[in-house]
């Protein structure tokens, strides 16, 4: 009986980690719940697509989220602290494979995160953007890499 009680905290720890991993994967699904409307842009002189965020997505604005995806090496970002993060690998992402703009986000990390072609899990504060067409519609700030158990 003592062994069961000793193993219980370990079981709970793995259950919490598994749930966090599942939630990290579901975040992209929630972020995909958007539509677009055409809106005239004074500066450009023509209509552009502006995201309309669902209530579910709006509820995540300025909240800390955990999300799993791929680091996309994009020229022009200053360091491994600033990069684009995607729901899909490089060859399938918004920039290369035709996925939608809701599948990528700008990331600003607290510490450098080394590039890898494998998926990683990160945690940070989500910001929604519907007003600046020069930026992605999602950004994640104060990002930390989530260490995963192997």
N, C-alpha and C. Protein backbone atom coordinates (compact mmCIF):
# COMPACT_ATOMS: atom_id res chain seq x y z
N UNK A 1 0.82 -1.19 0.00
CA UNK A 1 0.00 0.00 0.00
C UNK A 1 0.87 1.25 0.00
N UNK A 2 2.00 1.23 0.74
CA UNK A 2 2.90 2.39 0.78
C UNK A 2 3.43 2.72 -0.60
N UNK A 3 3.71 1.68 -1.40
CA UNK A 3 4.26 1.91 -2.73
C UNK A 3 3.28 2.68 -3.60
N UNK A 4 2.00 2.38 -3.46
CA UNK A 4 0.99 3.08 -4.25
C UNK A 4 1.00 4.57 -3.89
N UNK A 5 1.07 4.90 -2.62
CA UNK A 5 1.07 6.30 -2.20
C UNK A 5 2.35 7.02 -2.63
N UNK A 6 3.44 6.28 -2.70
CA UNK A 6 4.69 6.87 -3.15
C UNK A 6 4.65 7.14 -4.65
N UNK A 7 3.96 6.32 -5.41
CA UNK A 7 3.88 6.48 -6.85
C UNK A 7 2.81 7.48 -7.28
N UNK A 8 1.87 7.77 -6.41
CA UNK A 8 0.78 8.68 -6.75
C UNK A 8 1.26 10.06 -7.20
N UNK A 9 2.18 10.72 -6.47
CA UNK A 9 2.65 12.03 -6.95
C UNK A 9 3.32 11.96 -8.32
N UNK A 10 4.05 10.90 -8.59
CA UNK A 10 4.69 10.73 -9.89
C UNK A 10 3.65 10.56 -10.99
N UNK A 11 2.62 9.77 -10.72
CA UNK A 11 1.53 9.60 -11.67
C UNK A 11 0.84 10.93 -11.97
N UNK A 12 0.57 11.70 -10.93
CA UNK A 12 -0.08 13.00 -11.10
C UNK A 12 0.78 13.95 -11.92
N UNK A 13 2.08 13.93 -11.69
CA UNK A 13 3.01 14.77 -12.44
C UNK A 13 2.95 14.44 -13.93
N UNK A 14 2.97 13.15 -14.27
CA UNK A 14 2.90 12.74 -15.67
C UNK A 14 1.54 13.05 -16.27
N UNK A 15 0.47 12.96 -15.50
CA UNK A 15 -0.86 13.29 -15.99
C UNK A 15 -0.96 14.77 -16.32
N UNK A 16 -0.42 15.62 -15.47
CA UNK A 16 -0.43 17.06 -15.71
C UNK A 16 0.39 17.39 -16.94
N UNK A 17 1.57 16.76 -17.08
CA UNK A 17 2.42 16.99 -18.25
C UNK A 17 1.72 16.54 -19.53
N UNK A 18 1.04 15.41 -19.49
CA UNK A 18 0.33 14.91 -20.68
C UNK A 18 -0.82 15.85 -21.05
N UNK A 19 -1.54 16.37 -20.06
CA UNK A 19 -2.63 17.30 -20.33
C UNK A 19 -2.10 18.60 -20.93
N UNK A 20 -0.97 19.10 -20.41
CA UNK A 20 -0.36 20.32 -20.94
C UNK A 20 0.05 20.11 -22.39
N UNK A 21 0.59 18.94 -22.70
CA UNK A 21 0.98 18.64 -24.08
C UNK A 21 -0.24 18.61 -25.00
N UNK A 22 -1.33 17.99 -24.54
CA UNK A 22 -2.57 17.94 -25.33
C UNK A 22 -3.11 19.35 -25.55
N UNK A 23 -3.12 20.17 -24.51
CA UNK A 23 -3.60 21.55 -24.63
C UNK A 23 -2.73 22.35 -25.60
N UNK A 24 -1.42 22.12 -25.58
CA UNK A 24 -0.52 22.83 -26.48
C UNK A 24 -0.86 22.54 -27.93
N UNK A 25 -1.25 21.30 -28.22
CA UNK A 25 -1.65 20.94 -29.58
C UNK A 25 -3.00 21.51 -29.96
N UNK A 26 -3.91 21.63 -29.02
CA UNK A 26 -5.24 22.16 -29.29
C UNK A 26 -5.26 23.67 -29.48
N UNK A 27 -4.23 24.35 -29.06
CA UNK A 27 -4.20 25.81 -29.16
C UNK A 27 -4.29 26.26 -30.61
N UNK A 28 -3.58 25.60 -31.52
CA UNK A 28 -3.66 25.97 -32.93
C UNK A 28 -5.08 25.82 -33.45
N UNK A 29 -5.77 24.78 -32.99
CA UNK A 29 -7.16 24.56 -33.41
C UNK A 29 -8.03 25.74 -32.98
N UNK A 30 -7.84 26.21 -31.76
CA UNK A 30 -8.60 27.37 -31.29
C UNK A 30 -8.23 28.61 -32.09
N UNK A 31 -6.94 28.83 -32.35
CA UNK A 31 -6.50 30.01 -33.08
C UNK A 31 -6.99 30.03 -34.52
N UNK A 32 -7.41 28.88 -35.04
CA UNK A 32 -7.92 28.83 -36.41
C UNK A 32 -9.37 29.32 -36.51
N UNK A 33 -9.98 29.60 -35.39
CA UNK A 33 -11.39 30.02 -35.38
C UNK A 33 -11.50 31.53 -35.63
N UNK A 34 -11.18 31.89 -36.86
CA UNK A 34 -11.25 33.29 -37.28
C UNK A 34 -11.89 33.36 -38.66
N UNK A 35 -12.35 34.54 -39.00
CA UNK A 35 -12.81 34.82 -40.36
C UNK A 35 -12.10 36.09 -40.80
N UNK A 36 -12.34 36.49 -42.04
CA UNK A 36 -11.73 37.71 -42.55
C UNK A 36 -12.80 38.59 -43.17
N UNK A 37 -12.60 39.89 -43.06
CA UNK A 37 -13.49 40.84 -43.74
C UNK A 37 -12.63 41.79 -44.55
N UNK A 38 -13.17 42.28 -45.64
CA UNK A 38 -12.47 43.25 -46.48
C UNK A 38 -12.65 44.63 -45.86
N UNK A 39 -11.54 45.36 -45.76
CA UNK A 39 -11.58 46.71 -45.20
C UNK A 39 -10.65 47.60 -46.01
N UNK A 40 -11.12 48.78 -46.34
CA UNK A 40 -10.31 49.71 -47.12
C UNK A 40 -9.16 50.25 -46.28
N UNK A 41 -7.95 50.20 -46.83
CA UNK A 41 -6.76 50.73 -46.16
C UNK A 41 -6.38 52.04 -46.82
N UNK A 42 -6.44 53.13 -46.06
CA UNK A 42 -6.15 54.48 -46.58
C UNK A 42 -4.73 54.56 -47.15
N UNK A 43 -3.77 54.00 -46.45
CA UNK A 43 -2.37 54.10 -46.86
C UNK A 43 -2.12 53.35 -48.17
N UNK A 44 -2.66 52.14 -48.27
CA UNK A 44 -2.44 51.33 -49.48
C UNK A 44 -3.36 51.74 -50.63
N UNK A 45 -4.52 52.26 -50.30
CA UNK A 45 -5.45 52.68 -51.33
C UNK A 45 -6.31 51.56 -51.90
N UNK A 46 -6.40 50.45 -51.20
CA UNK A 46 -7.27 49.36 -51.62
C UNK A 46 -7.71 48.55 -50.41
N UNK A 47 -8.64 47.63 -50.64
CA UNK A 47 -9.17 46.80 -49.55
C UNK A 47 -8.20 45.67 -49.21
N UNK A 48 -8.09 45.40 -47.92
CA UNK A 48 -7.24 44.31 -47.44
C UNK A 48 -8.08 43.39 -46.55
N UNK A 49 -7.62 42.16 -46.38
CA UNK A 49 -8.29 41.22 -45.48
C UNK A 49 -7.88 41.53 -44.04
N UNK A 50 -8.87 41.73 -43.19
CA UNK A 50 -8.65 42.01 -41.77
C UNK A 50 -9.24 40.86 -40.98
N UNK A 51 -8.47 40.29 -40.03
CA UNK A 51 -9.01 39.16 -39.27
C UNK A 51 -10.12 39.59 -38.32
N UNK A 52 -11.10 38.71 -38.19
CA UNK A 52 -12.18 38.87 -37.21
C UNK A 52 -12.04 37.67 -36.27
N UNK A 53 -11.64 37.94 -35.05
CA UNK A 53 -11.36 36.88 -34.08
C UNK A 53 -12.65 36.40 -33.41
N UNK A 54 -12.80 35.09 -33.30
CA UNK A 54 -13.95 34.53 -32.59
C UNK A 54 -13.84 34.85 -31.10
N UNK A 55 -14.91 34.64 -30.38
CA UNK A 55 -14.90 34.87 -28.92
C UNK A 55 -13.88 33.97 -28.25
N UNK A 56 -13.72 32.74 -28.75
CA UNK A 56 -12.74 31.81 -28.18
C UNK A 56 -11.32 32.35 -28.33
N UNK A 57 -11.02 32.91 -29.48
CA UNK A 57 -9.69 33.47 -29.72
C UNK A 57 -9.52 34.75 -28.89
N UNK A 58 -10.52 35.60 -28.87
CA UNK A 58 -10.45 36.84 -28.08
C UNK A 58 -10.19 36.54 -26.60
N UNK A 59 -10.72 35.42 -26.11
CA UNK A 59 -10.52 35.05 -24.71
C UNK A 59 -9.05 34.74 -24.40
N UNK A 60 -8.26 34.43 -25.43
CA UNK A 60 -6.84 34.13 -25.23
C UNK A 60 -5.95 35.37 -25.30
N UNK A 61 -6.49 36.50 -25.76
CA UNK A 61 -5.70 37.72 -25.90
C UNK A 61 -5.13 38.15 -24.56
N UNK A 62 -3.83 38.41 -24.55
CA UNK A 62 -3.08 38.85 -23.37
C UNK A 62 -3.00 37.78 -22.29
N UNK A 63 -3.26 36.53 -22.66
CA UNK A 63 -3.18 35.41 -21.72
C UNK A 63 -1.94 34.59 -22.04
N UNK A 64 -1.44 33.91 -21.00
CA UNK A 64 -0.32 33.00 -21.21
C UNK A 64 -0.86 31.70 -21.81
N UNK A 65 -0.24 31.28 -22.91
CA UNK A 65 -0.63 30.03 -23.57
C UNK A 65 0.60 29.15 -23.76
N UNK A 66 0.35 27.87 -23.92
CA UNK A 66 1.38 26.90 -24.27
C UNK A 66 1.00 26.35 -25.63
N UNK A 67 1.99 26.29 -26.53
CA UNK A 67 1.69 25.88 -27.90
C UNK A 67 2.87 25.09 -28.47
N UNK A 68 2.54 24.10 -29.29
CA UNK A 68 3.55 23.24 -29.90
C UNK A 68 3.59 23.51 -31.40
N UNK A 69 4.78 23.62 -31.94
CA UNK A 69 4.91 23.89 -33.36
C UNK A 69 6.36 23.88 -33.81
N UNK A 70 6.60 24.60 -34.90
CA UNK A 70 7.90 24.57 -35.57
C UNK A 70 8.49 25.97 -35.69
N UNK A 71 9.78 26.05 -35.46
CA UNK A 71 10.52 27.30 -35.65
C UNK A 71 10.76 27.46 -37.15
N UNK A 72 10.39 28.62 -37.68
CA UNK A 72 10.58 28.89 -39.10
C UNK A 72 11.73 29.90 -39.24
N UNK A 73 12.83 29.49 -39.87
CA UNK A 73 13.96 30.41 -40.04
C UNK A 73 13.63 31.45 -41.10
N UNK A 74 13.37 32.66 -40.67
CA UNK A 74 13.00 33.75 -41.58
C UNK A 74 14.08 34.81 -41.54
N UNK A 75 14.55 35.20 -42.71
CA UNK A 75 15.57 36.23 -42.80
C UNK A 75 15.01 37.56 -42.30
N UNK A 76 15.83 38.32 -41.62
CA UNK A 76 15.39 39.62 -41.14
C UNK A 76 15.15 39.66 -39.64
N UNK A 77 15.01 38.50 -39.01
CA UNK A 77 14.87 38.48 -37.56
C UNK A 77 16.25 38.53 -36.95
N UNK A 78 16.38 39.25 -35.85
CA UNK A 78 17.69 39.59 -35.30
C UNK A 78 18.43 38.45 -34.63
N UNK A 79 17.73 37.55 -33.99
CA UNK A 79 18.42 36.53 -33.20
C UNK A 79 17.52 35.33 -33.01
N UNK A 80 18.01 34.41 -32.22
CA UNK A 80 17.19 33.25 -31.87
C UNK A 80 16.14 33.61 -30.83
N UNK A 81 16.09 34.88 -30.46
CA UNK A 81 15.04 35.36 -29.54
C UNK A 81 13.83 35.85 -30.32
N UNK A 82 14.01 36.10 -31.60
CA UNK A 82 12.91 36.57 -32.45
C UNK A 82 12.81 35.67 -33.68
N UNK A 83 11.65 35.04 -33.84
CA UNK A 83 11.46 34.15 -34.97
C UNK A 83 9.97 33.97 -35.23
N UNK A 84 9.67 33.28 -36.31
CA UNK A 84 8.29 32.94 -36.64
C UNK A 84 8.07 31.50 -36.20
N UNK A 85 6.91 31.26 -35.62
CA UNK A 85 6.54 29.93 -35.12
C UNK A 85 5.32 29.47 -35.91
N UNK A 86 5.30 28.21 -36.30
CA UNK A 86 4.25 27.70 -37.19
C UNK A 86 3.63 26.41 -36.67
N UNK A 87 2.36 26.23 -36.99
CA UNK A 87 1.69 24.98 -36.68
C UNK A 87 2.23 23.84 -37.54
N UNK A 88 2.85 24.20 -38.67
CA UNK A 88 3.32 23.21 -39.63
C UNK A 88 4.83 23.36 -39.88
N UNK A 89 5.48 22.28 -40.34
CA UNK A 89 6.91 22.38 -40.68
C UNK A 89 7.14 23.37 -41.82
N UNK A 90 8.37 23.75 -42.00
CA UNK A 90 8.78 24.78 -42.95
C UNK A 90 8.18 24.59 -44.33
N UNK A 91 8.21 23.36 -44.87
CA UNK A 91 7.74 23.13 -46.24
C UNK A 91 6.22 23.19 -46.38
N UNK A 92 5.50 23.28 -45.26
CA UNK A 92 4.04 23.33 -45.29
C UNK A 92 3.49 24.61 -44.66
N UNK A 93 4.36 25.50 -44.21
CA UNK A 93 3.90 26.66 -43.44
C UNK A 93 3.25 27.72 -44.34
N UNK A 94 2.76 28.75 -43.72
CA UNK A 94 2.08 29.86 -44.39
C UNK A 94 2.92 30.45 -45.52
N UNK A 95 4.22 30.59 -45.31
CA UNK A 95 5.09 31.24 -46.27
C UNK A 95 5.46 30.34 -47.45
N UNK A 96 5.45 29.02 -47.24
CA UNK A 96 5.93 28.11 -48.29
C UNK A 96 4.88 27.14 -48.80
N UNK A 97 3.96 26.75 -47.96
CA UNK A 97 3.07 25.66 -48.32
C UNK A 97 1.61 26.02 -48.48
N UNK A 98 1.26 27.28 -48.34
CA UNK A 98 -0.11 27.68 -48.57
C UNK A 98 -1.05 27.58 -47.39
N UNK A 99 -0.53 27.37 -46.17
CA UNK A 99 -1.39 27.38 -44.99
C UNK A 99 -1.85 28.82 -44.74
N UNK A 100 -2.87 28.98 -43.91
CA UNK A 100 -3.42 30.31 -43.65
C UNK A 100 -2.60 31.12 -42.65
N UNK A 101 -2.86 32.42 -42.59
CA UNK A 101 -2.12 33.30 -41.68
C UNK A 101 -2.37 33.00 -40.21
N UNK A 102 -3.43 32.25 -39.92
CA UNK A 102 -3.72 31.89 -38.53
C UNK A 102 -2.84 30.75 -38.03
N UNK A 103 -1.97 30.23 -38.88
CA UNK A 103 -1.11 29.10 -38.52
C UNK A 103 0.32 29.53 -38.18
N UNK A 104 0.57 30.83 -38.14
CA UNK A 104 1.90 31.34 -37.79
C UNK A 104 1.79 32.47 -36.79
N UNK A 105 2.87 32.69 -36.05
CA UNK A 105 2.92 33.81 -35.11
C UNK A 105 4.35 34.31 -34.96
N UNK A 106 4.46 35.59 -34.64
CA UNK A 106 5.77 36.18 -34.34
C UNK A 106 6.09 35.86 -32.88
N UNK A 107 7.34 35.49 -32.62
CA UNK A 107 7.76 35.12 -31.27
C UNK A 107 8.90 36.01 -30.81
N UNK A 108 8.81 36.46 -29.58
CA UNK A 108 9.90 37.15 -28.91
C UNK A 108 10.17 36.39 -27.62
N UNK A 109 11.33 35.72 -27.56
CA UNK A 109 11.67 34.87 -26.42
C UNK A 109 12.52 35.62 -25.41
N UNK A 110 12.45 35.19 -24.18
CA UNK A 110 13.27 35.78 -23.11
C UNK A 110 14.73 35.35 -23.24
N UNK A 111 14.94 34.10 -23.63
CA UNK A 111 16.27 33.53 -23.84
C UNK A 111 16.33 32.95 -25.25
N UNK A 112 17.50 32.92 -25.88
CA UNK A 112 17.60 32.33 -27.22
C UNK A 112 17.10 30.89 -27.25
N UNK A 113 16.40 30.54 -28.31
CA UNK A 113 15.92 29.17 -28.52
C UNK A 113 16.58 28.67 -29.79
N UNK A 114 17.36 27.62 -29.65
CA UNK A 114 18.09 27.07 -30.78
C UNK A 114 17.14 26.52 -31.84
N UNK A 115 17.49 26.73 -33.10
CA UNK A 115 16.69 26.20 -34.20
C UNK A 115 16.76 24.68 -34.22
N UNK A 116 15.64 24.07 -34.50
CA UNK A 116 15.55 22.64 -34.75
C UNK A 116 14.42 22.42 -35.74
N UNK A 117 14.55 21.39 -36.56
CA UNK A 117 13.47 21.06 -37.50
C UNK A 117 12.37 20.25 -36.82
N UNK A 118 12.64 19.80 -35.60
CA UNK A 118 11.65 19.04 -34.83
C UNK A 118 10.67 19.99 -34.15
N UNK A 119 9.46 19.53 -33.86
CA UNK A 119 8.50 20.40 -33.15
C UNK A 119 8.97 20.67 -31.72
N UNK A 120 8.67 21.87 -31.23
CA UNK A 120 8.99 22.26 -29.86
C UNK A 120 7.74 22.85 -29.22
N UNK A 121 7.74 22.89 -27.91
CA UNK A 121 6.64 23.50 -27.17
C UNK A 121 7.16 24.74 -26.48
N UNK A 122 6.42 25.84 -26.63
CA UNK A 122 6.81 27.10 -26.00
C UNK A 122 5.63 27.66 -25.21
N UNK A 123 5.94 28.58 -24.30
CA UNK A 123 4.91 29.23 -23.50
C UNK A 123 5.19 30.73 -23.49
N UNK A 124 4.12 31.52 -23.66
CA UNK A 124 4.27 32.97 -23.64
C UNK A 124 2.92 33.65 -23.64
N UNK A 125 2.93 34.97 -23.74
CA UNK A 125 1.71 35.77 -23.71
C UNK A 125 1.27 36.09 -25.13
N UNK A 126 0.04 35.72 -25.45
CA UNK A 126 -0.50 35.90 -26.79
C UNK A 126 -1.03 37.31 -26.98
N UNK A 127 -0.73 37.91 -28.13
CA UNK A 127 -1.26 39.21 -28.52
C UNK A 127 -1.94 39.06 -29.88
N UNK A 128 -3.15 39.59 -30.00
CA UNK A 128 -3.88 39.55 -31.27
C UNK A 128 -3.63 40.84 -32.03
N UNK A 129 -3.56 40.74 -33.36
CA UNK A 129 -3.33 41.92 -34.19
C UNK A 129 -4.32 41.93 -35.35
N UNK A 130 -5.17 42.93 -35.37
CA UNK A 130 -6.07 43.08 -36.52
C UNK A 130 -5.87 44.43 -37.19
N UNK A 131 -4.93 45.25 -36.66
CA UNK A 131 -4.79 46.60 -37.17
C UNK A 131 -3.54 46.89 -37.97
N UNK A 132 -2.48 46.11 -37.83
CA UNK A 132 -1.22 46.38 -38.52
C UNK A 132 -0.96 45.29 -39.55
N UNK A 133 -1.20 45.61 -40.83
CA UNK A 133 -1.05 44.60 -41.88
C UNK A 133 0.42 44.23 -42.14
N UNK A 134 1.35 44.95 -41.54
CA UNK A 134 2.77 44.64 -41.70
C UNK A 134 3.25 43.61 -40.69
N UNK A 135 2.37 43.18 -39.81
CA UNK A 135 2.72 42.17 -38.80
C UNK A 135 1.79 40.98 -38.94
N UNK A 136 2.22 39.86 -38.38
CA UNK A 136 1.36 38.68 -38.37
C UNK A 136 0.18 38.92 -37.42
N UNK A 137 -0.88 38.13 -37.58
CA UNK A 137 -2.07 38.38 -36.76
C UNK A 137 -1.91 37.91 -35.32
N UNK A 138 -0.92 37.03 -35.07
CA UNK A 138 -0.64 36.58 -33.70
C UNK A 138 0.82 36.85 -33.36
N UNK A 139 1.05 37.24 -32.12
CA UNK A 139 2.43 37.31 -31.62
C UNK A 139 2.44 36.74 -30.21
N UNK A 140 3.58 36.19 -29.85
CA UNK A 140 3.77 35.60 -28.54
C UNK A 140 5.00 36.24 -27.93
N UNK A 141 4.83 36.85 -26.76
CA UNK A 141 5.93 37.55 -26.11
C UNK A 141 6.30 36.88 -24.79
N UNK A 142 7.47 37.26 -24.28
CA UNK A 142 7.98 36.68 -23.02
C UNK A 142 8.00 35.16 -23.08
N UNK A 143 8.44 34.65 -24.21
CA UNK A 143 8.39 33.21 -24.49
C UNK A 143 9.52 32.46 -23.81
N UNK A 144 9.17 31.29 -23.31
CA UNK A 144 10.13 30.34 -22.76
C UNK A 144 9.91 28.99 -23.43
N UNK A 145 11.00 28.27 -23.65
CA UNK A 145 10.93 26.92 -24.17
C UNK A 145 10.43 26.03 -23.05
N UNK A 146 9.46 25.16 -23.35
CA UNK A 146 8.97 24.20 -22.38
C UNK A 146 9.78 22.93 -22.54
N UNK A 147 10.48 22.55 -21.50
CA UNK A 147 11.30 21.33 -21.54
C UNK A 147 10.37 20.14 -21.48
N UNK A 148 10.56 19.23 -22.40
CA UNK A 148 9.68 18.06 -22.48
C UNK A 148 10.39 16.83 -21.96
N UNK A 149 9.64 16.00 -21.27
CA UNK A 149 10.17 14.72 -20.77
C UNK A 149 10.30 13.77 -21.95
N UNK A 150 11.39 13.04 -21.98
CA UNK A 150 11.60 12.08 -23.07
C UNK A 150 11.48 10.68 -22.57
